[in-house]
Amino acid sequence: MAIKTLPFDPAEHLRSTEDQVDLLNDAFATGDVAYIANALGTIARAHGMSEVARGAGVTREALYKSLTKSGDPKLTTFVSVLRTLKLDLKALPSIAAGRPIKIARARNRGLRAGSIKKAARIRSAV
């Protein structure tokens, strides 16, 4: 007797905001852009793609296309979808990188942006 399988849609199981946030954080942790776009698409399907597309100001078809593993959404689309889903995007220092590097903004035109010691001298002289 052959085993019958049913199609699985993870969007049907992402009902709580906590589950959606966990999925998106997991995708961000990998750094895999395909996984991030697919995760955001799954969350959008859980909310209703038509409603999310309307809130993001794009067509439903364009949203389906950009939020797949092979899609590459524009940053404006990405931010609009997050805003529509009432999710925030925050940047945190990477735990794997160790101590965060302090970067001073150079005030002198001849100074390269990565020159922290020179920028500190300029700041103390001003």
N, C-alpha and C. Protein backbone atom coordinates (compact mmCIF):
# COMPACT_ATOMS: atom_id res chain seq x y z
N MET A 1 0.84 -1.17 0.00
CA MET A 1 0.00 0.00 0.00
C MET A 1 0.89 1.25 0.00
N ALA A 2 0.63 2.15 -0.92
CA ALA A 2 1.42 3.37 -1.04
C ALA A 2 1.02 4.37 0.04
N ILE A 3 2.01 5.10 0.52
CA ILE A 3 1.76 6.12 1.54
C ILE A 3 1.32 7.41 0.84
N LYS A 4 0.22 7.96 1.32
CA LYS A 4 -0.27 9.22 0.76
C LYS A 4 0.25 10.36 1.62
N THR A 5 0.78 11.35 0.97
CA THR A 5 1.26 12.53 1.70
C THR A 5 0.40 13.73 1.34
N LEU A 6 0.33 14.65 2.26
CA LEU A 6 -0.42 15.88 2.05
C LEU A 6 0.55 17.04 1.92
N PRO A 7 0.20 18.03 1.12
CA PRO A 7 1.08 19.19 1.00
C PRO A 7 1.15 19.91 2.36
N PHE A 8 2.36 20.39 2.69
CA PHE A 8 2.58 21.09 3.95
C PHE A 8 2.85 22.56 3.67
N ASP A 9 2.09 23.42 4.31
CA ASP A 9 2.31 24.86 4.21
C ASP A 9 2.60 25.38 5.60
N PRO A 10 3.85 25.79 5.87
CA PRO A 10 4.19 26.27 7.21
C PRO A 10 3.41 27.53 7.60
N ALA A 11 2.90 28.27 6.63
CA ALA A 11 2.13 29.49 6.94
C ALA A 11 0.88 29.16 7.76
N GLU A 12 0.36 27.97 7.59
CA GLU A 12 -0.84 27.56 8.34
C GLU A 12 -0.55 27.37 9.82
N HIS A 13 0.73 27.22 10.17
CA HIS A 13 1.11 26.95 11.56
C HIS A 13 1.78 28.15 12.23
N LEU A 14 1.87 29.26 11.54
CA LEU A 14 2.49 30.47 12.10
C LEU A 14 1.41 31.47 12.50
N ARG A 15 0.63 31.14 13.46
CA ARG A 15 -0.48 32.00 13.87
C ARG A 15 -0.06 33.05 14.89
N SER A 16 0.85 32.73 15.79
CA SER A 16 1.22 33.70 16.83
C SER A 16 2.37 34.59 16.36
N THR A 17 2.39 35.79 16.87
CA THR A 17 3.46 36.74 16.55
C THR A 17 4.80 36.20 17.00
N GLU A 18 4.83 35.53 18.14
CA GLU A 18 6.09 34.97 18.65
C GLU A 18 6.68 33.95 17.69
N ASP A 19 5.83 33.08 17.13
CA ASP A 19 6.30 32.09 16.17
C ASP A 19 6.85 32.77 14.91
N GLN A 20 6.18 33.81 14.46
CA GLN A 20 6.63 34.53 13.27
C GLN A 20 7.96 35.23 13.52
N VAL A 21 8.10 35.84 14.69
CA VAL A 21 9.35 36.51 15.05
C VAL A 21 10.48 35.49 15.16
N ASP A 22 10.20 34.33 15.75
CA ASP A 22 11.22 33.28 15.87
C ASP A 22 11.70 32.82 14.50
N LEU A 23 10.77 32.63 13.57
CA LEU A 23 11.15 32.21 12.22
C LEU A 23 12.03 33.27 11.55
N LEU A 24 11.63 34.52 11.64
CA LEU A 24 12.39 35.59 11.00
C LEU A 24 13.76 35.77 11.65
N ASN A 25 13.83 35.68 12.97
CA ASN A 25 15.13 35.78 13.66
C ASN A 25 16.04 34.62 13.29
N ASP A 26 15.48 33.43 13.15
CA ASP A 26 16.28 32.29 12.73
C ASP A 26 16.84 32.51 11.32
N ALA A 27 16.01 33.07 10.45
CA ALA A 27 16.46 33.35 9.08
C ALA A 27 17.58 34.40 9.09
N PHE A 28 17.40 35.46 9.88
CA PHE A 28 18.44 36.49 9.97
C PHE A 28 19.74 35.93 10.52
N ALA A 29 19.64 35.01 11.49
CA ALA A 29 20.83 34.43 12.11
C ALA A 29 21.68 33.65 11.10
N THR A 30 21.04 33.07 10.09
CA THR A 30 21.80 32.31 9.11
C THR A 30 22.51 33.21 8.12
N GLY A 31 21.96 34.39 7.87
CA GLY A 31 22.53 35.29 6.88
C GLY A 31 22.22 34.88 5.45
N ASP A 32 21.42 33.86 5.28
CA ASP A 32 21.05 33.36 3.95
C ASP A 32 19.89 34.18 3.41
N VAL A 33 20.15 34.99 2.38
CA VAL A 33 19.12 35.89 1.86
C VAL A 33 17.91 35.14 1.29
N ALA A 34 18.14 33.97 0.73
CA ALA A 34 17.02 33.17 0.21
C ALA A 34 16.11 32.73 1.35
N TYR A 35 16.72 32.31 2.45
CA TYR A 35 15.94 31.87 3.61
C TYR A 35 15.19 33.06 4.22
N ILE A 36 15.83 34.23 4.28
CA ILE A 36 15.18 35.42 4.83
C ILE A 36 13.96 35.80 4.00
N ALA A 37 14.13 35.84 2.68
CA ALA A 37 13.00 36.19 1.79
C ALA A 37 11.89 35.15 1.90
N ASN A 38 12.25 33.88 1.95
CA ASN A 38 11.25 32.81 2.05
C ASN A 38 10.52 32.88 3.39
N ALA A 39 11.25 33.16 4.48
CA ALA A 39 10.62 33.27 5.80
C ALA A 39 9.63 34.43 5.83
N LEU A 40 10.04 35.56 5.26
CA LEU A 40 9.15 36.72 5.23
C LEU A 40 7.91 36.41 4.37
N GLY A 41 8.11 35.68 3.28
CA GLY A 41 6.98 35.27 2.44
C GLY A 41 6.03 34.34 3.17
N THR A 42 6.57 33.43 3.96
CA THR A 42 5.75 32.51 4.74
C THR A 42 4.91 33.27 5.77
N ILE A 43 5.54 34.25 6.41
CA ILE A 43 4.82 35.07 7.39
C ILE A 43 3.74 35.90 6.70
N ALA A 44 4.06 36.43 5.52
CA ALA A 44 3.08 37.21 4.76
C ALA A 44 1.89 36.34 4.37
N ARG A 45 2.14 35.09 3.97
CA ARG A 45 1.04 34.18 3.63
C ARG A 45 0.18 33.88 4.86
N ALA A 46 0.81 33.80 6.03
CA ALA A 46 0.06 33.55 7.26
C ALA A 46 -0.89 34.71 7.57
N HIS A 47 -0.51 35.92 7.19
CA HIS A 47 -1.35 37.09 7.42
C HIS A 47 -2.37 37.29 6.30
N GLY A 48 -2.11 36.72 5.15
CA GLY A 48 -2.96 36.92 3.97
C GLY A 48 -2.20 37.78 2.98
N MET A 49 -1.76 37.18 1.91
CA MET A 49 -0.88 37.85 0.95
C MET A 49 -1.52 39.09 0.33
N SER A 50 -2.80 39.05 0.06
CA SER A 50 -3.47 40.21 -0.54
C SER A 50 -3.45 41.40 0.39
N GLU A 51 -3.72 41.16 1.67
CA GLU A 51 -3.72 42.23 2.66
C GLU A 51 -2.32 42.82 2.84
N VAL A 52 -1.32 41.96 2.89
CA VAL A 52 0.07 42.43 3.05
C VAL A 52 0.51 43.20 1.82
N ALA A 53 0.17 42.71 0.65
CA ALA A 53 0.54 43.40 -0.60
C ALA A 53 -0.10 44.78 -0.65
N ARG A 54 -1.35 44.87 -0.27
CA ARG A 54 -2.05 46.16 -0.25
C ARG A 54 -1.36 47.12 0.71
N GLY A 55 -1.00 46.64 1.90
CA GLY A 55 -0.34 47.48 2.90
C GLY A 55 1.06 47.89 2.48
N ALA A 56 1.75 47.02 1.73
CA ALA A 56 3.11 47.31 1.27
C ALA A 56 3.13 48.14 0.00
N GLY A 57 1.99 48.28 -0.65
CA GLY A 57 1.92 49.08 -1.86
C GLY A 57 2.47 48.40 -3.10
N VAL A 58 2.38 47.07 -3.14
CA VAL A 58 2.81 46.30 -4.31
C VAL A 58 1.69 45.35 -4.70
N THR A 59 1.79 44.78 -5.89
CA THR A 59 0.78 43.81 -6.31
C THR A 59 1.02 42.48 -5.61
N ARG A 60 -0.02 41.72 -5.48
CA ARG A 60 0.09 40.41 -4.83
C ARG A 60 1.04 39.51 -5.61
N GLU A 61 0.96 39.57 -6.93
CA GLU A 61 1.82 38.74 -7.77
C GLU A 61 3.29 39.11 -7.58
N ALA A 62 3.57 40.41 -7.52
CA ALA A 62 4.96 40.86 -7.32
C ALA A 62 5.48 40.44 -5.95
N LEU A 63 4.61 40.46 -4.96
CA LEU A 63 5.01 40.05 -3.62
C LEU A 63 5.30 38.56 -3.57
N TYR A 64 4.42 37.76 -4.19
CA TYR A 64 4.68 36.32 -4.26
C TYR A 64 6.02 36.05 -4.92
N LYS A 65 6.30 36.76 -6.01
CA LYS A 65 7.53 36.53 -6.78
C LYS A 65 8.77 36.92 -5.98
N SER A 66 8.71 38.04 -5.26
CA SER A 66 9.91 38.51 -4.58
C SER A 66 10.16 37.79 -3.26
N LEU A 67 9.13 37.26 -2.62
CA LEU A 67 9.30 36.61 -1.32
C LEU A 67 9.32 35.09 -1.43
N THR A 68 10.16 34.60 -2.32
CA THR A 68 10.40 33.17 -2.46
C THR A 68 11.89 32.91 -2.30
N LYS A 69 12.28 31.64 -2.29
CA LYS A 69 13.71 31.30 -2.18
C LYS A 69 14.53 31.88 -3.31
N SER A 70 13.94 31.97 -4.50
CA SER A 70 14.67 32.51 -5.65
C SER A 70 14.43 34.01 -5.83
N GLY A 71 13.54 34.59 -5.03
CA GLY A 71 13.24 36.01 -5.15
C GLY A 71 14.31 36.88 -4.49
N ASP A 72 14.31 38.14 -4.84
CA ASP A 72 15.25 39.09 -4.27
C ASP A 72 14.51 40.42 -4.11
N PRO A 73 13.79 40.58 -2.98
CA PRO A 73 12.97 41.78 -2.83
C PRO A 73 13.82 43.04 -2.70
N LYS A 74 13.30 44.14 -3.22
CA LYS A 74 13.95 45.43 -3.04
C LYS A 74 13.85 45.79 -1.56
N LEU A 75 14.78 46.62 -1.11
CA LEU A 75 14.78 47.02 0.28
C LEU A 75 13.49 47.75 0.65
N THR A 76 12.97 48.56 -0.26
CA THR A 76 11.72 49.27 0.02
C THR A 76 10.56 48.30 0.21
N THR A 77 10.52 47.24 -0.59
CA THR A 77 9.49 46.22 -0.45
C THR A 77 9.65 45.50 0.88
N PHE A 78 10.87 45.14 1.20
CA PHE A 78 11.17 44.42 2.43
C PHE A 78 10.72 45.22 3.66
N VAL A 79 11.08 46.50 3.70
CA VAL A 79 10.71 47.36 4.83
C VAL A 79 9.21 47.58 4.87
N SER A 80 8.58 47.76 3.72
CA SER A 80 7.12 47.96 3.67
C SER A 80 6.38 46.73 4.18
N VAL A 81 6.85 45.55 3.81
CA VAL A 81 6.21 44.31 4.27
C VAL A 81 6.38 44.18 5.78
N LEU A 82 7.58 44.45 6.30
CA LEU A 82 7.79 44.39 7.75
C LEU A 82 6.86 45.36 8.47
N ARG A 83 6.73 46.57 7.93
CA ARG A 83 5.86 47.58 8.55
C ARG A 83 4.40 47.12 8.52
N THR A 84 3.98 46.54 7.41
CA THR A 84 2.61 46.04 7.30
C THR A 84 2.35 44.91 8.28
N LEU A 85 3.35 44.06 8.50
CA LEU A 85 3.22 42.94 9.43
C LEU A 85 3.41 43.38 10.88
N LYS A 86 3.68 44.68 11.06
CA LYS A 86 3.92 45.25 12.40
C LYS A 86 5.11 44.59 13.08
N LEU A 87 6.19 44.39 12.29
CA LEU A 87 7.44 43.85 12.80
C LEU A 87 8.53 44.91 12.65
N ASP A 88 9.44 44.96 13.61
CA ASP A 88 10.56 45.90 13.56
C ASP A 88 11.83 45.15 13.21
N LEU A 89 12.73 45.86 12.58
CA LEU A 89 14.03 45.32 12.23
C LEU A 89 15.06 46.10 13.03
N LYS A 90 15.90 45.40 13.79
CA LYS A 90 16.91 46.06 14.61
C LYS A 90 18.27 45.47 14.31
N ALA A 91 19.28 46.30 14.38
CA ALA A 91 20.65 45.84 14.21
C ALA A 91 21.30 45.70 15.58
N LEU A 92 21.95 44.58 15.80
CA LEU A 92 22.66 44.32 17.04
C LEU A 92 24.07 43.88 16.70
N PRO A 93 25.02 44.11 17.60
CA PRO A 93 26.37 43.62 17.34
C PRO A 93 26.36 42.10 17.27
N SER A 94 27.13 41.58 16.38
CA SER A 94 27.20 40.13 16.20
C SER A 94 27.89 39.50 17.41
N ILE A 95 27.31 38.47 17.94
CA ILE A 95 27.89 37.75 19.07
C ILE A 95 29.16 37.04 18.62
N ALA A 96 29.16 36.52 17.41
CA ALA A 96 30.31 35.78 16.90
C ALA A 96 31.52 36.68 16.69
N ALA A 97 31.30 37.95 16.48
CA ALA A 97 32.41 38.87 16.21
C ALA A 97 33.14 39.29 17.47
N GLY A 98 32.62 38.95 18.64
CA GLY A 98 33.27 39.34 19.89
C GLY A 98 32.89 40.75 20.27
N ARG A 99 33.88 41.50 20.72
CA ARG A 99 33.65 42.87 21.17
C ARG A 99 33.32 43.78 20.01
N PRO A 100 32.31 44.63 20.15
CA PRO A 100 31.99 45.56 19.06
C PRO A 100 33.12 46.58 18.87
N ILE A 101 33.38 46.93 17.64
CA ILE A 101 34.42 47.90 17.30
C ILE A 101 33.82 49.29 17.34
N LYS A 102 34.51 50.21 18.04
CA LYS A 102 34.05 51.59 18.07
C LYS A 102 34.58 52.29 16.84
N ILE A 103 33.68 52.91 16.10
CA ILE A 103 34.06 53.60 14.88
C ILE A 103 33.76 55.08 15.07
N ALA A 104 34.81 55.90 14.97
CA ALA A 104 34.62 57.34 15.09
C ALA A 104 34.46 57.92 13.71
N ARG A 105 33.65 58.94 13.60
CA ARG A 105 33.45 59.60 12.31
C ARG A 105 34.57 60.62 12.11
N ALA A 106 35.22 60.53 10.99
CA ALA A 106 36.33 61.43 10.69
C ALA A 106 35.81 62.82 10.38
N ARG A 107 36.45 63.85 10.96
CA ARG A 107 36.03 65.22 10.72
C ARG A 107 36.93 65.91 9.69
N ASN A 108 37.99 65.28 9.31
CA ASN A 108 38.93 65.86 8.37
C ASN A 108 38.75 65.17 7.03
N ARG A 109 38.69 65.92 5.96
CA ARG A 109 38.46 65.32 4.63
C ARG A 109 39.57 64.38 4.22
N GLY A 110 40.79 64.67 4.61
CA GLY A 110 41.91 63.83 4.21
C GLY A 110 42.02 62.56 5.02
N LEU A 111 41.14 62.35 5.95
CA LEU A 111 41.20 61.21 6.85
C LEU A 111 40.32 60.08 6.34
N ARG A 112 40.86 58.88 6.34
CA ARG A 112 40.06 57.73 5.93
C ARG A 112 39.10 57.35 7.07
N ALA A 113 37.94 56.84 6.70
CA ALA A 113 36.90 56.53 7.68
C ALA A 113 37.34 55.49 8.70
N GLY A 114 38.24 54.59 8.33
CA GLY A 114 38.67 53.52 9.23
C GLY A 114 39.78 53.92 10.18
N SER A 115 40.25 55.14 10.11
CA SER A 115 41.36 55.58 10.93
C SER A 115 40.85 56.10 12.27
N ILE A 116 40.69 55.21 13.23
CA ILE A 116 40.08 55.55 14.51
C ILE A 116 41.01 56.42 15.36
N LYS A 117 42.30 56.09 15.39
CA LYS A 117 43.23 56.85 16.22
C LYS A 117 43.35 58.29 15.77
N LYS A 118 43.44 58.53 14.46
CA LYS A 118 43.54 59.88 13.95
C LYS A 118 42.27 60.66 14.23
N ALA A 119 41.13 60.01 14.11
CA ALA A 119 39.85 60.67 14.39
C ALA A 119 39.75 61.06 15.85
N ALA A 120 40.28 60.22 16.74
CA ALA A 120 40.26 60.54 18.16
C ALA A 120 41.14 61.75 18.45
N ARG A 121 42.30 61.84 17.77
CA ARG A 121 43.18 63.01 17.95
C ARG A 121 42.50 64.27 17.45
N ILE A 122 41.82 64.18 16.33
CA ILE A 122 41.12 65.35 15.79
C ILE A 122 40.02 65.78 16.74
N ARG A 123 39.28 64.82 17.29
CA ARG A 123 38.19 65.14 18.19
C ARG A 123 38.72 65.82 19.45
N SER A 124 39.86 65.35 20.00
CA SER A 124 40.38 65.95 21.21
C SER A 124 40.99 67.32 20.95
N ALA A 125 41.43 67.60 19.72
CA ALA A 125 42.00 68.91 19.38
C ALA A 125 40.94 69.97 19.16
N VAL A 126 39.73 69.55 18.85
CA VAL A 126 38.65 70.50 18.53
C VAL A 126 38.00 71.03 19.77
